[in-house]
Amino acid sequence: MSVTDKGIEEGLKGLKEGREYDKLYGWAVGGGEAEWIVGMKGTRGLRRKFNAELWCGGVERRRIGMIAKGEEEIEELERKALFGVTAEVEGVRVSWEDGKRKEKGTLEEDVVKERLGACKGKV
């Protein structure tokens, strides 16, 4: 390719309709996204397996920064016990569900103890 007037003229004469490049564009977008996903997942896997600052694929620096920050946040998460109530009554298994949150567990042990106390002697 040339940046001379003659080269530019020849290049403009050979232009094709944009839609002729739609498949090529789709392949480029898909390939870029796939490389990003593989690089992100691969980088995380390498970091976890070898406990080292390793990268793979064509992940950009800011993406690597996002991964590193996310990994640090995951590692810093405090593990907490989740309490729940499950019972088997006449062959039927039942579980307590928090009416407000629609979840079958809570971080509050006292809430579960209260629910268990309310059930004693009722079945």
C-alpha atoms as a PDB file:
ATOM      1  CA  MET A   1       0.000   0.000   0.000  1.00  0.00           C
ATOM      2  CA  SER A   2       1.291   3.427  -0.858  1.00  0.00           C
ATOM      3  CA  VAL A   3       0.512   6.870   0.534  1.00  0.00           C
ATOM      4  CA  THR A   4       1.415   8.648  -2.681  1.00  0.00           C
ATOM      5  CA  ASP A   5      -1.308  10.320  -4.743  1.00  0.00           C
ATOM      6  CA  LYS A   6      -1.046   7.537  -7.315  1.00  0.00           C
ATOM      7  CA  GLY A   7      -1.290   4.828  -4.645  1.00  0.00           C
ATOM      8  CA  ILE A   8      -4.319   6.473  -3.053  1.00  0.00           C
ATOM      9  CA  GLU A   9      -6.069   6.793  -6.441  1.00  0.00           C
ATOM     10  CA  GLU A  10      -5.458   3.119  -7.215  1.00  0.00           C
ATOM     11  CA  GLY A  11      -6.719   2.133  -3.774  1.00  0.00           C
ATOM     12  CA  LEU A  12      -9.910   4.161  -4.178  1.00  0.00           C
ATOM     13  CA  LYS A  13     -10.581   2.587  -7.598  1.00  0.00           C
ATOM     14  CA  GLY A  14     -10.465  -0.879  -6.047  1.00  0.00           C
ATOM     15  CA  LEU A  15     -12.987  -0.170  -3.255  1.00  0.00           C
ATOM     16  CA  LYS A  16     -15.797  -2.692  -2.802  1.00  0.00           C
ATOM     17  CA  GLU A  17     -19.205  -2.435  -1.178  1.00  0.00           C
ATOM     18  CA  GLY A  18     -19.015  -2.454   2.615  1.00  0.00           C
ATOM     19  CA  ARG A  19     -21.407  -5.400   2.916  1.00  0.00           C
ATOM     20  CA  GLU A  20     -18.824  -7.571   1.135  1.00  0.00           C
ATOM     21  CA  TYR A  21     -16.762  -7.260   4.309  1.00  0.00           C
ATOM     22  CA  ASP A  22     -19.558  -8.060   6.795  1.00  0.00           C
ATOM     23  CA  LYS A  23     -18.396 -11.669   7.318  1.00  0.00           C
ATOM     24  CA  LEU A  24     -14.809 -10.546   7.791  1.00  0.00           C
ATOM     25  CA  TYR A  25     -15.988  -7.967  10.316  1.00  0.00           C
ATOM     26  CA  GLY A  26     -18.019 -10.614  12.178  1.00  0.00           C
ATOM     27  CA  TRP A  27     -15.038 -12.953  12.281  1.00  0.00           C
ATOM     28  CA  ALA A  28     -12.811 -10.195  13.625  1.00  0.00           C
ATOM     29  CA  VAL A  29     -15.302  -9.230  16.344  1.00  0.00           C
ATOM     30  CA  GLY A  30     -15.910 -12.859  17.323  1.00  0.00           C
ATOM     31  CA  GLY A  31     -12.203 -13.638  17.338  1.00  0.00           C
ATOM     32  CA  GLY A  32     -11.452 -10.608  19.489  1.00  0.00           C
ATOM     33  CA  GLU A  33     -14.174 -11.498  21.978  1.00  0.00           C
ATOM     34  CA  ALA A  34     -13.062 -15.137  22.111  1.00  0.00           C
ATOM     35  CA  GLU A  35      -9.438 -14.123  22.659  1.00  0.00           C
ATOM     36  CA  TRP A  36     -10.500 -11.769  25.446  1.00  0.00           C
ATOM     37  CA  ILE A  37     -12.618 -14.441  27.185  1.00  0.00           C
ATOM     38  CA  VAL A  38      -9.975 -17.150  26.858  1.00  0.00           C
ATOM     39  CA  GLY A  39      -7.286 -14.755  28.043  1.00  0.00           C
ATOM     40  CA  MET A  40      -9.371 -13.654  31.008  1.00  0.00           C
ATOM     41  CA  LYS A  41     -10.316 -17.172  32.087  1.00  0.00           C
ATOM     42  CA  GLY A  42      -6.854 -18.555  31.358  1.00  0.00           C
ATOM     43  CA  THR A  43      -5.175 -15.760  33.290  1.00  0.00           C
ATOM     44  CA  ARG A  44      -7.406 -16.365  36.304  1.00  0.00           C
ATOM     45  CA  GLY A  45      -6.757 -20.114  36.129  1.00  0.00           C
ATOM     46  CA  LEU A  46      -2.989 -19.652  35.930  1.00  0.00           C
ATOM     47  CA  ARG A  47      -2.997 -17.193  38.828  1.00  0.00           C
ATOM     48  CA  ARG A  48      -5.018 -19.557  41.008  1.00  0.00           C
ATOM     49  CA  LYS A  49      -3.038 -22.683  40.108  1.00  0.00           C
ATOM     50  CA  PHE A  50       0.453 -21.217  40.472  1.00  0.00           C
ATOM     51  CA  ASN A  51      -0.308 -18.394  42.938  1.00  0.00           C
ATOM     52  CA  ALA A  52       1.722 -16.020  40.775  1.00  0.00           C
ATOM     53  CA  GLU A  53       1.223 -12.978  38.546  1.00  0.00           C
ATOM     54  CA  LEU A  54       0.815 -14.879  35.245  1.00  0.00           C
ATOM     55  CA  TRP A  55      -1.115 -13.884  32.108  1.00  0.00           C
ATOM     56  CA  CYS A  56      -2.149 -15.627  28.923  1.00  0.00           C
ATOM     57  CA  GLY A  57      -3.817 -14.657  25.673  1.00  0.00           C
ATOM     58  CA  GLY A  58      -4.179 -11.170  24.276  1.00  0.00           C
ATOM     59  CA  VAL A  59      -5.724  -9.641  27.345  1.00  0.00           C
ATOM     60  CA  GLU A  60      -5.184  -5.899  27.474  1.00  0.00           C
ATOM     61  CA  ARG A  61      -3.474  -4.336  30.493  1.00  0.00           C
ATOM     62  CA  ARG A  62      -6.575  -2.698  31.877  1.00  0.00           C
ATOM     63  CA  ARG A  63      -8.422  -5.996  31.571  1.00  0.00           C
ATOM     64  CA  ILE A  64      -5.581  -7.648  33.485  1.00  0.00           C
ATOM     65  CA  GLY A  65      -5.975  -4.939  36.117  1.00  0.00           C
ATOM     66  CA  MET A  66      -9.693  -5.729  36.327  1.00  0.00           C
ATOM     67  CA  ILE A  67      -8.912  -9.428  36.737  1.00  0.00           C
ATOM     68  CA  ALA A  68      -6.305  -8.767  39.414  1.00  0.00           C
ATOM     69  CA  LYS A  69      -8.669  -6.483  41.334  1.00  0.00           C
ATOM     70  CA  GLY A  70     -11.509  -9.002  41.070  1.00  0.00           C
ATOM     71  CA  GLU A  71      -9.234 -11.811  42.212  1.00  0.00           C
ATOM     72  CA  GLU A  72      -8.155  -9.769  45.234  1.00  0.00           C
ATOM     73  CA  GLU A  73     -11.802  -9.043  46.100  1.00  0.00           C
ATOM     74  CA  ILE A  74     -12.637 -12.753  45.871  1.00  0.00           C
ATOM     75  CA  GLU A  75      -9.688 -13.690  48.090  1.00  0.00           C
ATOM     76  CA  GLU A  76     -10.643 -11.026  50.657  1.00  0.00           C
ATOM     77  CA  LEU A  77     -14.235 -12.222  50.988  1.00  0.00           C
ATOM     78  CA  GLU A  78     -14.945 -13.245  54.547  1.00  0.00           C
ATOM     79  CA  ARG A  79     -16.420 -16.705  54.782  1.00  0.00           C
ATOM     80  CA  LYS A  80     -19.586 -16.692  56.853  1.00  0.00           C
ATOM     81  CA  ALA A  81     -21.844 -19.468  58.028  1.00  0.00           C
ATOM     82  CA  LEU A  82     -25.272 -19.667  56.445  1.00  0.00           C
ATOM     83  CA  PHE A  83     -27.998 -20.992  58.738  1.00  0.00           C
ATOM     84  CA  GLY A  84     -31.206 -22.651  57.678  1.00  0.00           C
ATOM     85  CA  VAL A  85     -33.928 -25.012  58.832  1.00  0.00           C
ATOM     86  CA  THR A  86     -34.785 -28.239  57.033  1.00  0.00           C
ATOM     87  CA  ALA A  87     -36.957 -30.979  58.494  1.00  0.00           C
ATOM     88  CA  GLU A  88     -38.576 -34.186  57.408  1.00  0.00           C
ATOM     89  CA  VAL A  89     -42.193 -34.506  58.495  1.00  0.00           C
ATOM     90  CA  GLU A  90     -44.011 -37.769  57.750  1.00  0.00           C
ATOM     91  CA  GLY A  91     -41.720 -38.494  54.799  1.00  0.00           C
ATOM     92  CA  VAL A  92     -41.963 -34.954  53.384  1.00  0.00           C
ATOM     93  CA  ARG A  93     -38.906 -32.746  53.445  1.00  0.00           C
ATOM     94  CA  VAL A  94     -39.631 -29.085  54.232  1.00  0.00           C
ATOM     95  CA  SER A  95     -37.354 -26.045  54.436  1.00  0.00           C
ATOM     96  CA  TRP A  96     -37.839 -22.661  56.062  1.00  0.00           C
ATOM     97  CA  GLU A  97     -37.715 -19.723  53.663  1.00  0.00           C
ATOM     98  CA  ASP A  98     -37.213 -16.102  54.648  1.00  0.00           C
ATOM     99  CA  GLY A  99     -40.464 -14.438  53.583  1.00  0.00           C
ATOM    100  CA  LYS A 100     -38.844 -11.091  52.780  1.00  0.00           C
ATOM    101  CA  ARG A 101     -35.755 -12.247  50.913  1.00  0.00           C
ATOM    102  CA  LYS A 102     -37.213 -15.469  49.479  1.00  0.00           C
ATOM    103  CA  GLU A 103     -34.054 -17.356  50.468  1.00  0.00           C
ATOM    104  CA  LYS A 104     -33.684 -20.589  52.411  1.00  0.00           C
ATOM    105  CA  GLY A 105     -30.832 -19.369  54.560  1.00  0.00           C
ATOM    106  CA  THR A 106     -29.735 -16.468  56.710  1.00  0.00           C
ATOM    107  CA  LEU A 107     -26.521 -15.170  58.213  1.00  0.00           C
ATOM    108  CA  GLU A 108     -28.356 -14.601  61.509  1.00  0.00           C
ATOM    109  CA  GLU A 109     -28.121 -17.677  63.723  1.00  0.00           C
ATOM    110  CA  ASP A 110     -30.583 -16.176  66.234  1.00  0.00           C
ATOM    111  CA  VAL A 111     -33.318 -16.031  63.565  1.00  0.00           C
ATOM    112  CA  VAL A 112     -32.935 -19.755  62.899  1.00  0.00           C
ATOM    113  CA  LYS A 113     -32.928 -20.605  66.606  1.00  0.00           C
ATOM    114  CA  GLU A 114     -36.125 -18.590  67.001  1.00  0.00           C
ATOM    115  CA  ARG A 115     -37.766 -20.501  64.104  1.00  0.00           C
ATOM    116  CA  LEU A 116     -36.701 -23.835  65.579  1.00  0.00           C
ATOM    117  CA  GLY A 117     -38.066 -22.835  68.987  1.00  0.00           C
ATOM    118  CA  ALA A 118     -41.402 -21.936  67.425  1.00  0.00           C
ATOM    119  CA  CYS A 119     -41.610 -25.399  65.846  1.00  0.00           C
ATOM    120  CA  LYS A 120     -40.876 -27.466  68.978  1.00  0.00           C
ATOM    121  CA  GLY A 121     -43.778 -29.653  69.976  1.00  0.00           C
ATOM    122  CA  LYS A 122     -45.885 -28.630  66.950  1.00  0.00           C
ATOM    123  CA  VAL A 123     -45.414 -31.776  64.906  1.00  0.00           C
END
